[in-house]
Amino acid sequence: DIAPDTDPGDLAVAFAEAQRGRNLLRELDRHAVLEFTDTPVSALAIKKAAEFRKDIANKHYSIDIDRINHAFNSHGPGNETDEKNEPISVEDFAMVPDVLQDPDKVVFHNEYEGKGASLEYRRRINGWLVVVEMITSEGSELNEIQFRTMWKEIGKGH
């Protein structure tokens, strides 16, 4: 059981830890999803999306098993191939709600592989540039902005 006042960052770490290493194949419709309904979409992201005539103001953030595994498989220990990046750890998921809520910069990509818009939230934390990439659920009944991946860049600007 999770206390109702649990910090969103702590919740993201616990969720990532619980889901890490699970099989990527979905069994029927059982698919663990963590929704950040109490983490408002940042004003900077709303403004950036509006420049491209996208309304994201009433959406909420979510993260699921597949995307956690994608992040670890691409940017985790032993998998990060960019020498300018530091591999992410489970504990790094604690930064996700803070990066989403208070980014230093948001980069908007109008189309992401034909699946809708992509937003890169960028924030400097403890000397790292933490990048959290989210995709919108374009033309869907889903009212969410879904986690795609995250990485940490060493000593970079925005």
N, C-alpha and C. Protein backbone atom coordinates (compact mmCIF):
# COMPACT_ATOMS: atom_id res chain seq x y z
N ASP A 1 0.83 -1.19 0.00
CA ASP A 1 0.00 0.00 0.00
C ASP A 1 0.87 1.25 0.00
N ILE A 2 0.43 2.24 -0.74
CA ILE A 2 1.18 3.48 -0.86
C ILE A 2 0.39 4.59 -0.18
N ALA A 3 1.07 5.35 0.66
CA ALA A 3 0.42 6.46 1.35
C ALA A 3 0.00 7.51 0.34
N PRO A 4 -1.17 8.15 0.56
CA PRO A 4 -1.65 9.15 -0.39
C PRO A 4 -0.73 10.35 -0.54
N ASP A 5 0.09 10.63 0.47
CA ASP A 5 0.97 11.80 0.41
C ASP A 5 2.39 11.42 -0.02
N THR A 6 2.58 10.25 -0.63
CA THR A 6 3.90 9.82 -1.09
C THR A 6 4.42 10.79 -2.14
N ASP A 7 5.67 11.19 -2.00
CA ASP A 7 6.32 12.08 -2.95
C ASP A 7 6.31 11.43 -4.34
N PRO A 8 5.96 12.18 -5.42
CA PRO A 8 5.93 11.60 -6.76
C PRO A 8 7.29 11.00 -7.19
N GLY A 9 8.38 11.64 -6.78
CA GLY A 9 9.70 11.11 -7.12
C GLY A 9 9.95 9.76 -6.47
N ASP A 10 9.59 9.62 -5.19
CA ASP A 10 9.74 8.35 -4.49
C ASP A 10 8.86 7.28 -5.14
N LEU A 11 7.66 7.68 -5.55
CA LEU A 11 6.75 6.76 -6.21
C LEU A 11 7.33 6.28 -7.54
N ALA A 12 7.95 7.18 -8.30
CA ALA A 12 8.56 6.81 -9.58
C ALA A 12 9.70 5.82 -9.37
N VAL A 13 10.52 6.04 -8.34
CA VAL A 13 11.63 5.12 -8.05
C VAL A 13 11.08 3.75 -7.67
N ALA A 14 10.08 3.72 -6.80
CA ALA A 14 9.51 2.44 -6.37
C ALA A 14 8.89 1.71 -7.56
N PHE A 15 8.22 2.44 -8.42
CA PHE A 15 7.60 1.83 -9.60
C PHE A 15 8.67 1.27 -10.54
N ALA A 16 9.71 2.06 -10.79
CA ALA A 16 10.80 1.60 -11.67
C ALA A 16 11.48 0.37 -11.10
N GLU A 17 11.73 0.37 -9.80
CA GLU A 17 12.37 -0.78 -9.15
C GLU A 17 11.49 -2.02 -9.27
N ALA A 18 10.20 -1.86 -9.06
CA ALA A 18 9.28 -2.99 -9.12
C ALA A 18 9.14 -3.54 -10.54
N GLN A 19 9.25 -2.67 -11.53
CA GLN A 19 9.02 -3.09 -12.91
C GLN A 19 10.29 -3.52 -13.65
N ARG A 20 11.45 -3.13 -13.15
CA ARG A 20 12.70 -3.40 -13.86
C ARG A 20 12.88 -4.90 -14.08
N GLY A 21 13.24 -5.25 -15.29
CA GLY A 21 13.52 -6.63 -15.62
C GLY A 21 12.31 -7.46 -15.97
N ARG A 22 11.12 -6.88 -15.90
CA ARG A 22 9.93 -7.64 -16.28
C ARG A 22 9.92 -7.87 -17.78
N ASN A 23 9.26 -8.91 -18.17
CA ASN A 23 9.13 -9.24 -19.59
C ASN A 23 8.40 -8.10 -20.30
N LEU A 24 8.90 -7.71 -21.46
CA LEU A 24 8.28 -6.62 -22.20
C LEU A 24 6.96 -7.03 -22.84
N LEU A 25 6.71 -8.33 -22.96
CA LEU A 25 5.47 -8.78 -23.59
C LEU A 25 4.30 -8.55 -22.66
N ARG A 26 3.26 -8.00 -23.19
CA ARG A 26 2.05 -7.75 -22.40
C ARG A 26 1.22 -9.01 -22.35
N GLU A 27 0.69 -9.31 -21.18
CA GLU A 27 -0.24 -10.43 -21.05
C GLU A 27 -1.64 -9.86 -21.02
N LEU A 28 -2.40 -10.18 -22.07
CA LEU A 28 -3.73 -9.63 -22.26
C LEU A 28 -3.66 -8.11 -22.14
N ASP A 29 -4.49 -7.50 -21.34
CA ASP A 29 -4.44 -6.05 -21.19
C ASP A 29 -3.80 -5.63 -19.88
N ARG A 30 -3.17 -6.58 -19.18
CA ARG A 30 -2.52 -6.23 -17.92
C ARG A 30 -1.22 -5.51 -18.22
N HIS A 31 -1.18 -4.25 -17.85
CA HIS A 31 -0.02 -3.43 -18.19
C HIS A 31 0.13 -2.37 -17.09
N ALA A 32 1.15 -2.49 -16.30
CA ALA A 32 1.34 -1.56 -15.20
C ALA A 32 1.67 -0.16 -15.72
N VAL A 33 0.92 0.80 -15.27
CA VAL A 33 1.11 2.19 -15.66
C VAL A 33 1.07 3.05 -14.41
N LEU A 34 2.04 3.93 -14.27
CA LEU A 34 2.05 4.90 -13.18
C LEU A 34 1.63 6.23 -13.76
N GLU A 35 0.57 6.82 -13.19
CA GLU A 35 0.09 8.10 -13.68
C GLU A 35 0.44 9.19 -12.68
N PHE A 36 1.01 10.27 -13.18
CA PHE A 36 1.35 11.42 -12.35
C PHE A 36 0.21 12.43 -12.46
N THR A 37 -0.95 12.09 -11.93
CA THR A 37 -2.10 12.99 -12.05
C THR A 37 -1.96 14.24 -11.19
N ASP A 38 -1.10 14.19 -10.17
CA ASP A 38 -0.90 15.36 -9.31
C ASP A 38 0.28 16.22 -9.75
N THR A 39 0.95 15.83 -10.84
CA THR A 39 2.06 16.62 -11.36
C THR A 39 1.53 17.42 -12.55
N PRO A 40 1.29 18.72 -12.37
CA PRO A 40 0.70 19.49 -13.46
C PRO A 40 1.65 19.64 -14.64
N VAL A 41 1.07 19.76 -15.82
CA VAL A 41 1.86 20.03 -17.01
C VAL A 41 2.45 21.42 -16.86
N SER A 42 3.75 21.54 -17.09
CA SER A 42 4.42 22.82 -16.86
C SER A 42 3.93 23.88 -17.84
N ALA A 43 3.91 25.13 -17.37
CA ALA A 43 3.49 26.25 -18.22
C ALA A 43 4.42 26.37 -19.42
N LEU A 44 5.71 26.09 -19.24
CA LEU A 44 6.67 26.16 -20.33
C LEU A 44 6.34 25.14 -21.42
N ALA A 45 5.96 23.93 -21.03
CA ALA A 45 5.60 22.89 -22.00
C ALA A 45 4.30 23.26 -22.73
N ILE A 46 3.34 23.80 -21.99
CA ILE A 46 2.07 24.22 -22.61
C ILE A 46 2.33 25.30 -23.64
N LYS A 47 3.17 26.27 -23.28
CA LYS A 47 3.49 27.37 -24.19
C LYS A 47 4.22 26.86 -25.43
N LYS A 48 5.20 25.98 -25.24
CA LYS A 48 5.98 25.45 -26.36
C LYS A 48 5.08 24.65 -27.30
N ALA A 49 4.20 23.81 -26.76
CA ALA A 49 3.30 23.01 -27.58
C ALA A 49 2.30 23.90 -28.33
N ALA A 50 1.86 24.98 -27.69
CA ALA A 50 0.91 25.90 -28.31
C ALA A 50 1.51 26.56 -29.55
N GLU A 51 2.82 26.74 -29.57
CA GLU A 51 3.48 27.30 -30.75
C GLU A 51 3.26 26.42 -31.98
N PHE A 52 3.00 25.14 -31.74
CA PHE A 52 2.76 24.18 -32.82
C PHE A 52 1.29 23.78 -32.90
N ARG A 53 0.43 24.61 -32.29
CA ARG A 53 -1.02 24.39 -32.26
C ARG A 53 -1.40 23.06 -31.61
N LYS A 54 -0.69 22.71 -30.56
CA LYS A 54 -0.99 21.51 -29.79
C LYS A 54 -1.44 21.95 -28.40
N ASP A 55 -2.57 21.40 -27.94
CA ASP A 55 -3.08 21.73 -26.61
C ASP A 55 -2.81 20.56 -25.68
N ILE A 56 -1.93 20.78 -24.70
CA ILE A 56 -1.60 19.72 -23.75
C ILE A 56 -1.96 20.11 -22.32
N ALA A 57 -2.67 21.21 -22.17
CA ALA A 57 -2.94 21.75 -20.84
C ALA A 57 -3.73 20.80 -19.94
N ASN A 58 -4.63 20.02 -20.49
CA ASN A 58 -5.48 19.17 -19.67
C ASN A 58 -5.05 17.71 -19.65
N LYS A 59 -3.84 17.45 -20.08
CA LYS A 59 -3.34 16.08 -20.08
C LYS A 59 -2.59 15.81 -18.78
N HIS A 60 -2.29 14.55 -18.53
CA HIS A 60 -1.47 14.18 -17.38
C HIS A 60 -0.34 13.27 -17.85
N TYR A 61 0.66 13.12 -17.02
CA TYR A 61 1.83 12.33 -17.36
C TYR A 61 1.65 10.88 -16.92
N SER A 62 2.27 9.95 -17.69
CA SER A 62 2.27 8.55 -17.29
C SER A 62 3.58 7.89 -17.69
N ILE A 63 3.88 6.77 -17.04
CA ILE A 63 5.08 6.00 -17.33
C ILE A 63 4.71 4.53 -17.20
N ASP A 64 5.21 3.67 -18.10
CA ASP A 64 4.84 2.26 -18.05
C ASP A 64 6.07 1.35 -18.14
N ILE A 65 5.82 0.05 -18.00
CA ILE A 65 6.89 -0.95 -17.96
C ILE A 65 7.77 -0.90 -19.20
N ASP A 66 7.14 -0.88 -20.38
CA ASP A 66 7.90 -0.90 -21.62
C ASP A 66 8.88 0.27 -21.70
N ARG A 67 8.41 1.42 -21.30
CA ARG A 67 9.24 2.63 -21.40
C ARG A 67 10.38 2.61 -20.37
N ILE A 68 10.11 2.07 -19.18
CA ILE A 68 11.18 1.94 -18.19
C ILE A 68 12.26 1.01 -18.73
N ASN A 69 11.83 -0.11 -19.29
CA ASN A 69 12.80 -1.05 -19.85
C ASN A 69 13.54 -0.43 -21.03
N HIS A 70 12.84 0.34 -21.85
CA HIS A 70 13.49 1.03 -22.96
C HIS A 70 14.58 1.98 -22.44
N ALA A 71 14.24 2.74 -21.41
CA ALA A 71 15.22 3.68 -20.85
C ALA A 71 16.46 2.94 -20.34
N PHE A 72 16.26 1.84 -19.60
CA PHE A 72 17.40 1.08 -19.10
C PHE A 72 18.18 0.40 -20.22
N ASN A 73 17.47 -0.13 -21.22
CA ASN A 73 18.14 -0.80 -22.32
C ASN A 73 18.93 0.16 -23.19
N SER A 74 18.52 1.42 -23.24
CA SER A 74 19.22 2.41 -24.05
C SER A 74 20.21 3.25 -23.26
N HIS A 75 19.90 3.54 -22.00
CA HIS A 75 20.69 4.51 -21.26
C HIS A 75 21.11 4.03 -19.88
N GLY A 76 20.92 2.76 -19.57
CA GLY A 76 21.29 2.22 -18.27
C GLY A 76 22.72 1.72 -18.23
N PRO A 77 23.15 1.20 -17.07
CA PRO A 77 24.52 0.69 -16.92
C PRO A 77 24.83 -0.38 -17.96
N GLY A 78 25.95 -0.22 -18.64
CA GLY A 78 26.38 -1.17 -19.66
C GLY A 78 25.69 -0.99 -21.00
N ASN A 79 24.73 -0.08 -21.07
CA ASN A 79 23.99 0.12 -22.32
C ASN A 79 24.16 1.51 -22.90
N GLU A 80 24.55 2.49 -22.08
CA GLU A 80 24.71 3.86 -22.57
C GLU A 80 25.94 3.91 -23.47
N THR A 81 25.75 4.24 -24.74
CA THR A 81 26.86 4.25 -25.69
C THR A 81 27.44 5.64 -25.92
N ASP A 82 26.75 6.67 -25.51
CA ASP A 82 27.26 8.02 -25.69
C ASP A 82 28.20 8.34 -24.54
N GLU A 83 29.46 8.55 -24.87
CA GLU A 83 30.47 8.78 -23.82
C GLU A 83 30.25 10.08 -23.06
N LYS A 84 29.40 10.96 -23.58
CA LYS A 84 29.11 12.22 -22.90
C LYS A 84 27.96 12.07 -21.90
N ASN A 85 27.39 10.87 -21.84
CA ASN A 85 26.27 10.64 -20.94
C ASN A 85 26.68 9.71 -19.81
N GLU A 86 26.02 9.89 -18.69
CA GLU A 86 26.18 9.00 -17.53
C GLU A 86 25.02 8.01 -17.55
N PRO A 87 25.27 6.71 -17.37
CA PRO A 87 24.15 5.75 -17.34
C PRO A 87 23.15 6.12 -16.25
N ILE A 88 21.88 5.92 -16.55
CA ILE A 88 20.84 6.19 -15.56
C ILE A 88 20.72 5.00 -14.61
N SER A 89 20.17 5.28 -13.43
CA SER A 89 19.93 4.25 -12.43
C SER A 89 18.46 4.32 -12.03
N VAL A 90 18.00 3.33 -11.29
CA VAL A 90 16.62 3.33 -10.82
C VAL A 90 16.34 4.60 -10.02
N GLU A 91 17.31 5.00 -9.20
CA GLU A 91 17.12 6.18 -8.36
C GLU A 91 16.90 7.45 -9.19
N ASP A 92 17.41 7.47 -10.42
CA ASP A 92 17.24 8.65 -11.26
C ASP A 92 15.78 8.92 -11.62
N PHE A 93 14.93 7.90 -11.53
CA PHE A 93 13.52 8.12 -11.81
C PHE A 93 12.88 9.07 -10.80
N ALA A 94 13.51 9.28 -9.66
CA ALA A 94 13.01 10.24 -8.68
C ALA A 94 13.02 11.66 -9.24
N MET A 95 13.87 11.90 -10.24
CA MET A 95 13.97 13.24 -10.82
C MET A 95 12.88 13.51 -11.85
N VAL A 96 12.22 12.47 -12.35
CA VAL A 96 11.25 12.65 -13.44
C VAL A 96 10.16 13.66 -13.09
N PRO A 97 9.43 13.52 -11.98
CA PRO A 97 8.37 14.51 -11.70
C PRO A 97 8.90 15.94 -11.59
N ASP A 98 10.08 16.13 -10.99
CA ASP A 98 10.64 17.48 -10.86
C ASP A 98 11.01 18.06 -12.22
N VAL A 99 11.59 17.23 -13.09
CA VAL A 99 11.97 17.70 -14.43
C VAL A 99 10.70 18.08 -15.21
N LEU A 100 9.66 17.27 -15.10
CA LEU A 100 8.42 17.54 -15.82
C LEU A 100 7.72 18.79 -15.30
N GLN A 101 7.74 18.98 -14.01
CA GLN A 101 7.01 20.10 -13.41
C GLN A 101 7.75 21.42 -13.53
N ASP A 102 9.07 21.38 -13.51
CA ASP A 102 9.84 22.63 -13.50
C ASP A 102 11.07 22.53 -14.41
N PRO A 103 10.86 22.37 -15.73
CA PRO A 103 12.00 22.26 -16.63
C PRO A 103 12.68 23.61 -16.86
N ASP A 104 13.97 23.56 -17.16
CA ASP A 104 14.68 24.77 -17.57
C ASP A 104 14.34 25.11 -19.02
N LYS A 105 14.10 24.06 -19.81
CA LYS A 105 13.83 24.23 -21.23
C LYS A 105 12.99 23.05 -21.70
N VAL A 106 12.11 23.31 -22.66
CA VAL A 106 11.33 22.26 -23.31
C VAL A 106 11.56 22.37 -24.81
N VAL A 107 11.92 21.26 -25.43
CA VAL A 107 12.10 21.20 -26.88
C VAL A 107 10.95 20.38 -27.43
N PHE A 108 10.23 20.95 -28.39
CA PHE A 108 9.05 20.30 -28.95
C PHE A 108 9.37 19.78 -30.35
N HIS A 109 9.05 18.51 -30.60
CA HIS A 109 9.19 17.93 -31.93
C HIS A 109 7.77 17.61 -32.40
N ASN A 110 7.36 18.19 -33.52
CA ASN A 110 5.97 18.09 -33.96
C ASN A 110 5.51 16.68 -34.25
N GLU A 111 6.38 15.83 -34.74
CA GLU A 111 6.02 14.43 -35.00
C GLU A 111 7.10 13.52 -34.46
N TYR A 112 6.71 12.44 -33.82
CA TYR A 112 7.64 11.44 -33.35
C TYR A 112 7.27 10.11 -34.00
N GLU A 113 8.01 9.73 -35.02
CA GLU A 113 7.80 8.46 -35.72
C GLU A 113 6.33 8.21 -36.04
N GLY A 114 5.63 9.27 -36.46
CA GLY A 114 4.23 9.13 -36.83
C GLY A 114 3.29 8.88 -35.67
N LYS A 115 3.78 9.03 -34.44
CA LYS A 115 2.97 8.72 -33.26
C LYS A 115 2.57 9.97 -32.49
N GLY A 116 2.67 11.12 -33.08
CA GLY A 116 2.32 12.33 -32.35
C GLY A 116 3.56 13.11 -31.97
N ALA A 117 3.34 14.11 -31.16
CA ALA A 117 4.41 15.02 -30.78
C ALA A 117 5.31 14.45 -29.69
N SER A 118 6.54 14.93 -29.69
CA SER A 118 7.50 14.54 -28.66
C SER A 118 7.98 15.81 -27.97
N LEU A 119 8.10 15.74 -26.66
CA LEU A 119 8.60 16.87 -25.88
C LEU A 119 9.82 16.41 -25.10
N GLU A 120 10.91 17.16 -25.19
CA GLU A 120 12.10 16.89 -24.38
C GLU A 120 12.14 17.94 -23.27
N TYR A 121 11.97 17.48 -22.05
CA TYR A 121 12.06 18.35 -20.88
C TYR A 121 13.51 18.30 -20.41
N ARG A 122 14.13 19.47 -20.26
CA ARG A 122 15.54 19.54 -19.88
C ARG A 122 15.69 20.36 -18.60
N ARG A 123 16.46 19.80 -17.67
CA ARG A 123 16.70 20.52 -16.41
C ARG A 123 18.06 20.15 -15.85
N ARG A 124 18.79 21.16 -15.40
CA ARG A 124 20.09 20.93 -14.76
C ARG A 124 19.85 20.58 -13.30
N ILE A 125 20.39 19.41 -12.91
CA ILE A 125 20.26 18.94 -11.53
C ILE A 125 21.61 18.39 -11.10
N ASN A 126 22.19 18.98 -10.06
CA ASN A 126 23.46 18.51 -9.50
C ASN A 126 24.55 18.32 -10.54
N GLY A 127 24.69 19.28 -11.45
CA GLY A 127 25.74 19.22 -12.46
C GLY A 127 25.41 18.40 -13.69
N TRP A 128 24.27 17.74 -13.70
CA TRP A 128 23.84 16.94 -14.85
C TRP A 128 22.76 17.70 -15.60
N LEU A 129 22.70 17.48 -16.90
CA LEU A 129 21.54 17.91 -17.66
C LEU A 129 20.66 16.68 -17.79
N VAL A 130 19.54 16.66 -17.08
CA VAL A 130 18.63 15.52 -17.10
C VAL A 130 17.58 15.79 -18.17
N VAL A 131 17.46 14.86 -19.11
CA VAL A 131 16.51 14.99 -20.21
C VAL A 131 15.47 13.89 -20.09
N VAL A 132 14.21 14.29 -20.03
CA VAL A 132 13.09 13.35 -19.99
C VAL A 132 12.28 13.59 -21.26
N GLU A 133 12.17 12.56 -22.09
CA GLU A 133 11.42 12.69 -23.33
C GLU A 133 10.04 12.06 -23.17
N MET A 134 9.04 12.81 -23.57
CA MET A 134 7.65 12.38 -23.45
C MET A 134 7.01 12.44 -24.83
N ILE A 135 6.01 11.58 -25.07
CA ILE A 135 5.25 11.63 -26.31
C ILE A 135 3.79 11.84 -25.97
N THR A 136 3.09 12.57 -26.84
CA THR A 136 1.67 12.81 -26.60
C THR A 136 0.86 11.73 -27.29
N SER A 137 -0.33 11.50 -26.80
CA SER A 137 -1.22 10.49 -27.36
C SER A 137 -2.15 11.16 -28.36
N GLU A 138 -1.60 11.47 -29.51
CA GLU A 138 -2.32 12.19 -30.57
C GLU A 138 -3.50 11.37 -31.09
N GLY A 139 -4.66 12.01 -31.19
CA GLY A 139 -5.83 11.38 -31.77
C GLY A 139 -6.31 10.15 -31.02
N SER A 140 -6.09 10.13 -29.74
CA SER A 140 -6.44 8.96 -28.94
C SER A 140 -7.42 9.37 -27.85
N GLU A 141 -8.09 8.38 -27.30
CA GLU A 141 -8.96 8.66 -26.17
C GLU A 141 -8.14 8.88 -24.91
N LEU A 142 -6.86 8.52 -24.97
CA LEU A 142 -6.00 8.72 -23.82
C LEU A 142 -5.73 10.21 -23.63
N ASN A 143 -5.77 10.63 -22.41
CA ASN A 143 -5.54 12.04 -22.11
C ASN A 143 -4.23 12.17 -21.35
N GLU A 144 -3.16 11.62 -21.96
CA GLU A 144 -1.90 11.59 -21.23
C GLU A 144 -0.71 11.93 -22.12
N ILE A 145 0.34 12.31 -21.46
CA ILE A 145 1.64 12.51 -22.09
C ILE A 145 2.50 11.38 -21.54
N GLN A 146 2.94 10.49 -22.41
CA GLN A 146 3.57 9.26 -21.99
C GLN A 146 5.10 9.37 -21.98
N PHE A 147 5.71 8.86 -20.92
CA PHE A 147 7.16 8.78 -20.81
C PHE A 147 7.69 7.93 -21.96
N ARG A 148 8.75 8.43 -22.62
CA ARG A 148 9.41 7.64 -23.66
C ARG A 148 10.76 7.15 -23.18
N THR A 149 11.59 8.07 -22.68
CA THR A 149 12.92 7.69 -22.20
C THR A 149 13.50 8.85 -21.39
N MET A 150 14.67 8.60 -20.80
CA MET A 150 15.39 9.66 -20.11
C MET A 150 16.88 9.38 -20.20
N TRP A 151 17.69 10.42 -20.08
CA TRP A 151 19.13 10.26 -20.03
C TRP A 151 19.73 11.42 -19.28
N LYS A 152 20.99 11.26 -18.88
CA LYS A 152 21.73 12.30 -18.16
C LYS A 152 22.97 12.67 -18.96
N GLU A 153 23.09 13.94 -19.29
CA GLU A 153 24.25 14.44 -20.02
C GLU A 153 25.21 15.08 -19.03
N ILE A 154 26.48 14.80 -19.22
CA ILE A 154 27.51 15.32 -18.33
C ILE A 154 27.86 16.76 -18.71
N GLY A 155 27.75 17.67 -17.72
CA GLY A 155 28.23 19.03 -17.83
C GLY A 155 27.83 19.79 -19.07
N LYS A 156 26.60 19.62 -19.54
CA LYS A 156 26.13 20.35 -20.72
C LYS A 156 25.16 21.44 -20.30
N GLY A 157 24.95 22.35 -21.23
CA GLY A 157 23.96 23.40 -21.03
C GLY A 157 22.58 22.83 -21.27
N HIS A 158 21.72 23.63 -21.85
CA HIS A 158 20.35 23.18 -22.08
C HIS A 158 20.24 22.65 -23.48
